[in-house]
Amino acid sequence: MRLDISKREFLAIITIQTDKLMSSNAPQLKSELAIIGAEGYKNLIIDLEKVDFVDSSGLSSLLMAKRMCEEAEGILCLCHINPKVQSLIKISQLEDVLNTFDSVSKAEEYIRMIELGKEIKG
């Protein structure tokens, strides 16, 4: 699986460059998540624009990303989710658990607002 990773001051963006996130490639995403977490990135955006299929292993890797971000007091945002993947999220009753956005820029803006709120609270 090809992943494009962009690291910014307060977040990392992973763009999945394959059409399937499943048992054969989810371990690679999990490995990259571990590296990104070890580098100190607590906020993460995963761009799923090219992904049209996610199986239980793929969903597990997304939930691992969510857990990793939460443990670091950060945020996970998913964006560009196609209808099939959105349906899986709904069937799995994860709509209220996963932050989903139409675009990377909207996800990034959301994370900035949350981080700004944390700074103001001290």
N, C-alpha and C. Protein backbone atom coordinates (compact mmCIF):
# COMPACT_ATOMS: atom_id res chain seq x y z
N MET A 1 0.84 -1.17 0.00
CA MET A 1 0.00 0.00 0.00
C MET A 1 0.89 1.24 0.00
N ARG A 2 0.52 2.19 -0.79
CA ARG A 2 1.26 3.44 -0.82
C ARG A 2 0.55 4.48 0.05
N LEU A 3 1.32 5.09 0.93
CA LEU A 3 0.83 6.15 1.79
C LEU A 3 1.64 7.40 1.54
N ASP A 4 0.96 8.52 1.41
CA ASP A 4 1.65 9.81 1.38
C ASP A 4 1.47 10.43 2.75
N ILE A 5 2.56 10.84 3.36
CA ILE A 5 2.50 11.40 4.71
C ILE A 5 3.07 12.81 4.69
N SER A 6 2.27 13.72 5.17
CA SER A 6 2.67 15.13 5.26
C SER A 6 2.64 15.51 6.74
N LYS A 7 3.76 16.03 7.23
CA LYS A 7 3.86 16.40 8.63
C LYS A 7 3.94 17.91 8.75
N ARG A 8 3.10 18.43 9.60
CA ARG A 8 3.05 19.86 9.85
C ARG A 8 3.33 20.10 11.32
N GLU A 9 3.33 21.35 11.70
CA GLU A 9 3.69 21.71 13.07
C GLU A 9 2.88 20.96 14.11
N PHE A 10 1.58 20.87 13.94
CA PHE A 10 0.74 20.30 15.00
C PHE A 10 -0.07 19.08 14.55
N LEU A 11 0.19 18.58 13.33
CA LEU A 11 -0.56 17.41 12.88
C LEU A 11 0.17 16.70 11.75
N ALA A 12 -0.25 15.47 11.52
CA ALA A 12 0.24 14.69 10.39
C ALA A 12 -0.96 14.30 9.53
N ILE A 13 -0.77 14.30 8.23
CA ILE A 13 -1.82 13.91 7.29
C ILE A 13 -1.35 12.68 6.54
N ILE A 14 -2.15 11.61 6.62
CA ILE A 14 -1.86 10.39 5.88
C ILE A 14 -2.88 10.29 4.76
N THR A 15 -2.41 10.24 3.54
CA THR A 15 -3.28 10.03 2.39
C THR A 15 -3.06 8.60 1.90
N ILE A 16 -4.10 7.81 1.96
CA ILE A 16 -4.02 6.43 1.52
C ILE A 16 -4.19 6.39 0.01
N GLN A 17 -3.18 5.88 -0.68
CA GLN A 17 -3.16 5.91 -2.15
C GLN A 17 -3.52 4.55 -2.76
N THR A 18 -4.50 3.89 -2.17
CA THR A 18 -4.98 2.62 -2.69
C THR A 18 -6.49 2.57 -2.52
N ASP A 19 -7.14 1.69 -3.26
CA ASP A 19 -8.59 1.66 -3.20
C ASP A 19 -9.16 0.75 -2.11
N LYS A 20 -8.30 -0.03 -1.47
CA LYS A 20 -8.77 -0.94 -0.43
C LYS A 20 -7.92 -0.82 0.83
N LEU A 21 -8.59 -0.78 1.96
CA LEU A 21 -7.92 -0.81 3.26
C LEU A 21 -8.43 -2.08 3.93
N MET A 22 -7.58 -3.11 3.93
CA MET A 22 -8.04 -4.42 4.38
C MET A 22 -6.91 -5.22 5.01
N SER A 23 -7.19 -6.46 5.34
CA SER A 23 -6.25 -7.28 6.10
C SER A 23 -4.88 -7.38 5.46
N SER A 24 -4.80 -7.30 4.15
CA SER A 24 -3.50 -7.43 3.48
C SER A 24 -2.64 -6.18 3.61
N ASN A 25 -3.24 -5.01 3.87
CA ASN A 25 -2.42 -3.80 3.94
C ASN A 25 -2.63 -2.98 5.22
N ALA A 26 -3.62 -3.32 6.03
CA ALA A 26 -3.86 -2.58 7.28
C ALA A 26 -2.64 -2.60 8.21
N PRO A 27 -1.89 -3.72 8.29
CA PRO A 27 -0.70 -3.70 9.16
C PRO A 27 0.31 -2.61 8.78
N GLN A 28 0.42 -2.30 7.51
CA GLN A 28 1.34 -1.24 7.09
C GLN A 28 0.87 0.11 7.63
N LEU A 29 -0.45 0.36 7.57
CA LEU A 29 -0.97 1.60 8.13
C LEU A 29 -0.71 1.65 9.63
N LYS A 30 -0.94 0.55 10.31
CA LYS A 30 -0.69 0.51 11.77
C LYS A 30 0.77 0.80 12.09
N SER A 31 1.68 0.27 11.28
CA SER A 31 3.12 0.54 11.49
C SER A 31 3.43 2.02 11.33
N GLU A 32 2.87 2.62 10.28
CA GLU A 32 3.09 4.06 10.06
C GLU A 32 2.49 4.88 11.20
N LEU A 33 1.34 4.47 11.70
CA LEU A 33 0.72 5.17 12.83
C LEU A 33 1.62 5.12 14.05
N ALA A 34 2.23 3.96 14.30
CA ALA A 34 3.14 3.82 15.45
C ALA A 34 4.33 4.76 15.30
N ILE A 35 4.87 4.86 14.10
CA ILE A 35 6.02 5.75 13.85
C ILE A 35 5.61 7.20 14.07
N ILE A 36 4.49 7.58 13.51
CA ILE A 36 4.01 8.97 13.64
C ILE A 36 3.76 9.30 15.11
N GLY A 37 3.14 8.37 15.84
CA GLY A 37 2.91 8.59 17.26
C GLY A 37 4.21 8.72 18.04
N ALA A 38 5.19 7.89 17.71
CA ALA A 38 6.49 7.95 18.38
C ALA A 38 7.22 9.26 18.10
N GLU A 39 6.92 9.86 16.95
CA GLU A 39 7.53 11.15 16.61
C GLU A 39 6.85 12.32 17.33
N GLY A 40 5.78 12.03 18.06
CA GLY A 40 5.13 13.06 18.87
C GLY A 40 3.92 13.72 18.24
N TYR A 41 3.45 13.22 17.11
CA TYR A 41 2.26 13.79 16.50
C TYR A 41 1.03 13.22 17.18
N LYS A 42 0.21 14.10 17.75
CA LYS A 42 -0.99 13.67 18.46
C LYS A 42 -2.26 13.92 17.66
N ASN A 43 -2.19 14.78 16.67
CA ASN A 43 -3.33 15.08 15.81
C ASN A 43 -3.08 14.48 14.44
N LEU A 44 -4.10 13.81 13.91
CA LEU A 44 -3.92 13.06 12.68
C LEU A 44 -5.14 13.21 11.78
N ILE A 45 -4.88 13.41 10.50
CA ILE A 45 -5.92 13.39 9.48
C ILE A 45 -5.61 12.24 8.55
N ILE A 46 -6.60 11.38 8.33
CA ILE A 46 -6.44 10.30 7.36
C ILE A 46 -7.37 10.59 6.20
N ASP A 47 -6.78 10.77 5.03
CA ASP A 47 -7.53 11.08 3.82
C ASP A 47 -7.84 9.77 3.09
N LEU A 48 -9.13 9.47 2.98
CA LEU A 48 -9.59 8.22 2.40
C LEU A 48 -10.18 8.41 1.00
N GLU A 49 -9.80 9.48 0.32
CA GLU A 49 -10.41 9.82 -0.97
C GLU A 49 -10.34 8.67 -1.98
N LYS A 50 -9.24 7.96 -2.02
CA LYS A 50 -9.08 6.89 -3.01
C LYS A 50 -9.57 5.53 -2.51
N VAL A 51 -9.99 5.47 -1.26
CA VAL A 51 -10.41 4.20 -0.66
C VAL A 51 -11.91 3.98 -0.91
N ASP A 52 -12.24 2.85 -1.55
CA ASP A 52 -13.65 2.54 -1.76
C ASP A 52 -14.09 1.26 -1.05
N PHE A 53 -13.15 0.63 -0.33
CA PHE A 53 -13.49 -0.58 0.41
C PHE A 53 -12.66 -0.65 1.68
N VAL A 54 -13.32 -0.93 2.79
CA VAL A 54 -12.65 -1.12 4.08
C VAL A 54 -13.25 -2.38 4.71
N ASP A 55 -12.38 -3.31 5.12
CA ASP A 55 -12.87 -4.49 5.83
C ASP A 55 -12.64 -4.30 7.33
N SER A 56 -12.90 -5.34 8.11
CA SER A 56 -12.79 -5.22 9.57
C SER A 56 -11.37 -4.88 10.01
N SER A 57 -10.36 -5.40 9.32
CA SER A 57 -8.97 -5.08 9.66
C SER A 57 -8.66 -3.63 9.36
N GLY A 58 -9.18 -3.13 8.26
CA GLY A 58 -9.00 -1.72 7.92
C GLY A 58 -9.67 -0.82 8.94
N LEU A 59 -10.89 -1.19 9.32
CA LEU A 59 -11.61 -0.42 10.33
C LEU A 59 -10.86 -0.45 11.66
N SER A 60 -10.30 -1.60 11.98
CA SER A 60 -9.50 -1.73 13.20
C SER A 60 -8.30 -0.78 13.18
N SER A 61 -7.67 -0.63 12.03
CA SER A 61 -6.51 0.29 11.95
C SER A 61 -6.95 1.74 12.14
N LEU A 62 -8.14 2.09 11.66
CA LEU A 62 -8.66 3.45 11.88
C LEU A 62 -8.99 3.67 13.36
N LEU A 63 -9.53 2.64 14.00
CA LEU A 63 -9.83 2.75 15.42
C LEU A 63 -8.55 2.80 16.26
N MET A 64 -7.51 2.12 15.80
CA MET A 64 -6.20 2.20 16.46
C MET A 64 -5.69 3.64 16.39
N ALA A 65 -5.85 4.28 15.22
CA ALA A 65 -5.44 5.68 15.06
C ALA A 65 -6.21 6.57 16.02
N LYS A 66 -7.50 6.32 16.15
CA LYS A 66 -8.34 7.10 17.08
C LYS A 66 -7.83 6.94 18.51
N ARG A 67 -7.58 5.71 18.91
CA ARG A 67 -7.10 5.43 20.27
C ARG A 67 -5.74 6.09 20.51
N MET A 68 -4.85 6.00 19.54
CA MET A 68 -3.52 6.60 19.65
C MET A 68 -3.62 8.11 19.86
N CYS A 69 -4.48 8.75 19.07
CA CYS A 69 -4.65 10.20 19.19
C CYS A 69 -5.25 10.57 20.55
N GLU A 70 -6.26 9.84 20.97
CA GLU A 70 -6.89 10.14 22.26
C GLU A 70 -5.93 9.97 23.42
N GLU A 71 -5.11 8.93 23.38
CA GLU A 71 -4.14 8.69 24.46
C GLU A 71 -3.13 9.82 24.55
N ALA A 72 -2.87 10.48 23.42
CA ALA A 72 -1.94 11.62 23.40
C ALA A 72 -2.66 12.95 23.56
N GLU A 73 -3.97 12.88 23.89
CA GLU A 73 -4.82 14.07 24.02
C GLU A 73 -4.89 14.84 22.71
N GLY A 74 -4.98 14.09 21.62
CA GLY A 74 -5.10 14.67 20.29
C GLY A 74 -6.40 14.26 19.63
N ILE A 75 -6.45 14.49 18.32
CA ILE A 75 -7.68 14.27 17.56
C ILE A 75 -7.37 13.51 16.28
N LEU A 76 -8.25 12.59 15.94
CA LEU A 76 -8.21 11.92 14.64
C LEU A 76 -9.37 12.44 13.81
N CYS A 77 -9.09 12.81 12.57
CA CYS A 77 -10.13 13.19 11.62
C CYS A 77 -9.98 12.35 10.37
N LEU A 78 -11.10 11.86 9.87
CA LEU A 78 -11.13 11.14 8.60
C LEU A 78 -11.80 12.05 7.58
N CYS A 79 -11.31 12.02 6.35
CA CYS A 79 -11.95 12.87 5.35
C CYS A 79 -12.04 12.15 4.00
N HIS A 80 -12.89 12.74 3.15
CA HIS A 80 -13.16 12.20 1.81
C HIS A 80 -13.64 10.75 1.89
N ILE A 81 -14.63 10.51 2.74
CA ILE A 81 -15.14 9.15 2.92
C ILE A 81 -16.23 8.89 1.89
N ASN A 82 -16.06 7.81 1.13
CA ASN A 82 -17.06 7.51 0.11
C ASN A 82 -18.28 6.83 0.75
N PRO A 83 -19.38 6.75 0.02
CA PRO A 83 -20.62 6.21 0.59
C PRO A 83 -20.50 4.78 1.13
N LYS A 84 -19.74 3.91 0.49
CA LYS A 84 -19.59 2.53 0.97
C LYS A 84 -18.91 2.50 2.33
N VAL A 85 -17.85 3.28 2.45
CA VAL A 85 -17.11 3.32 3.72
C VAL A 85 -17.95 4.01 4.79
N GLN A 86 -18.66 5.06 4.41
CA GLN A 86 -19.55 5.74 5.36
C GLN A 86 -20.62 4.78 5.86
N SER A 87 -21.12 3.93 4.98
CA SER A 87 -22.12 2.94 5.37
C SER A 87 -21.54 1.96 6.39
N LEU A 88 -20.30 1.52 6.19
CA LEU A 88 -19.65 0.63 7.15
C LEU A 88 -19.52 1.31 8.52
N ILE A 89 -19.15 2.57 8.52
CA ILE A 89 -19.02 3.33 9.76
C ILE A 89 -20.38 3.40 10.47
N LYS A 90 -21.44 3.62 9.69
CA LYS A 90 -22.78 3.71 10.26
C LYS A 90 -23.23 2.36 10.80
N ILE A 91 -23.05 1.29 10.02
CA ILE A 91 -23.44 -0.05 10.45
C ILE A 91 -22.69 -0.45 11.72
N SER A 92 -21.44 -0.02 11.81
CA SER A 92 -20.61 -0.34 12.98
C SER A 92 -20.89 0.57 14.17
N GLN A 93 -21.84 1.47 14.00
CA GLN A 93 -22.24 2.43 15.02
C GLN A 93 -21.06 3.28 15.51
N LEU A 94 -20.27 3.74 14.55
CA LEU A 94 -19.10 4.56 14.87
C LEU A 94 -19.25 6.01 14.39
N GLU A 95 -20.45 6.37 13.95
CA GLU A 95 -20.67 7.73 13.47
C GLU A 95 -20.36 8.79 14.53
N ASP A 96 -20.68 8.48 15.77
CA ASP A 96 -20.44 9.44 16.85
C ASP A 96 -19.06 9.30 17.46
N VAL A 97 -18.31 8.31 17.01
CA VAL A 97 -16.97 8.05 17.55
C VAL A 97 -15.90 8.66 16.66
N LEU A 98 -16.10 8.59 15.35
CA LEU A 98 -15.11 9.06 14.39
C LEU A 98 -15.49 10.43 13.86
N ASN A 99 -14.53 11.34 13.85
CA ASN A 99 -14.73 12.68 13.29
C ASN A 99 -14.54 12.58 11.78
N THR A 100 -15.58 12.89 11.01
CA THR A 100 -15.48 12.80 9.55
C THR A 100 -15.73 14.16 8.93
N PHE A 101 -14.99 14.43 7.86
CA PHE A 101 -15.07 15.72 7.17
C PHE A 101 -15.04 15.52 5.67
N ASP A 102 -15.56 16.51 4.96
CA ASP A 102 -15.59 16.45 3.49
C ASP A 102 -14.23 16.70 2.86
N SER A 103 -13.36 17.39 3.58
CA SER A 103 -12.06 17.76 2.99
C SER A 103 -10.98 17.81 4.06
N VAL A 104 -9.75 17.75 3.60
CA VAL A 104 -8.59 17.88 4.50
C VAL A 104 -8.60 19.26 5.14
N SER A 105 -8.92 20.28 4.36
CA SER A 105 -8.87 21.64 4.91
C SER A 105 -9.90 21.83 6.03
N LYS A 106 -11.09 21.23 5.90
CA LYS A 106 -12.08 21.33 6.98
C LYS A 106 -11.62 20.57 8.22
N ALA A 107 -11.00 19.43 8.02
CA ALA A 107 -10.48 18.65 9.15
C ALA A 107 -9.35 19.43 9.84
N GLU A 108 -8.49 20.02 9.05
CA GLU A 108 -7.38 20.80 9.60
C GLU A 108 -7.90 22.00 10.38
N GLU A 109 -8.91 22.66 9.86
CA GLU A 109 -9.51 23.81 10.55
C GLU A 109 -10.12 23.37 11.88
N TYR A 110 -10.78 22.23 11.90
CA TYR A 110 -11.36 21.69 13.13
C TYR A 110 -10.28 21.45 14.18
N ILE A 111 -9.19 20.82 13.76
CA ILE A 111 -8.09 20.54 14.70
C ILE A 111 -7.49 21.85 15.22
N ARG A 112 -7.32 22.82 14.34
CA ARG A 112 -6.78 24.13 14.77
C ARG A 112 -7.67 24.76 15.83
N MET A 113 -8.98 24.69 15.62
CA MET A 113 -9.92 25.29 16.59
C MET A 113 -9.82 24.59 17.94
N ILE A 114 -9.73 23.27 17.93
CA ILE A 114 -9.61 22.51 19.18
C ILE A 114 -8.30 22.87 19.89
N GLU A 115 -7.21 22.92 19.13
CA GLU A 115 -5.91 23.26 19.72
C GLU A 115 -5.91 24.68 20.27
N LEU A 116 -6.54 25.60 19.56
CA LEU A 116 -6.63 26.98 20.04
C LEU A 116 -7.42 27.03 21.34
N GLY A 117 -8.49 26.28 21.41
CA GLY A 117 -9.28 26.21 22.65
C GLY A 117 -8.47 25.70 23.81
N LYS A 118 -7.63 24.69 23.56
CA LYS A 118 -6.76 24.16 24.62
C LYS A 118 -5.77 25.21 25.09
N GLU A 119 -5.22 25.99 24.15
CA GLU A 119 -4.26 27.04 24.52
C GLU A 119 -4.94 28.11 25.37
N ILE A 120 -6.14 28.48 24.99
CA ILE A 120 -6.85 29.53 25.73
C ILE A 120 -7.16 29.07 27.15
N LYS A 121 -7.55 27.80 27.30
CA LYS A 121 -7.86 27.26 28.63
C LYS A 121 -6.61 27.12 29.49
N GLY A 122 -5.47 27.08 28.82
CA GLY A 122 -4.21 27.04 29.54
C GLY A 122 -3.75 25.67 29.79
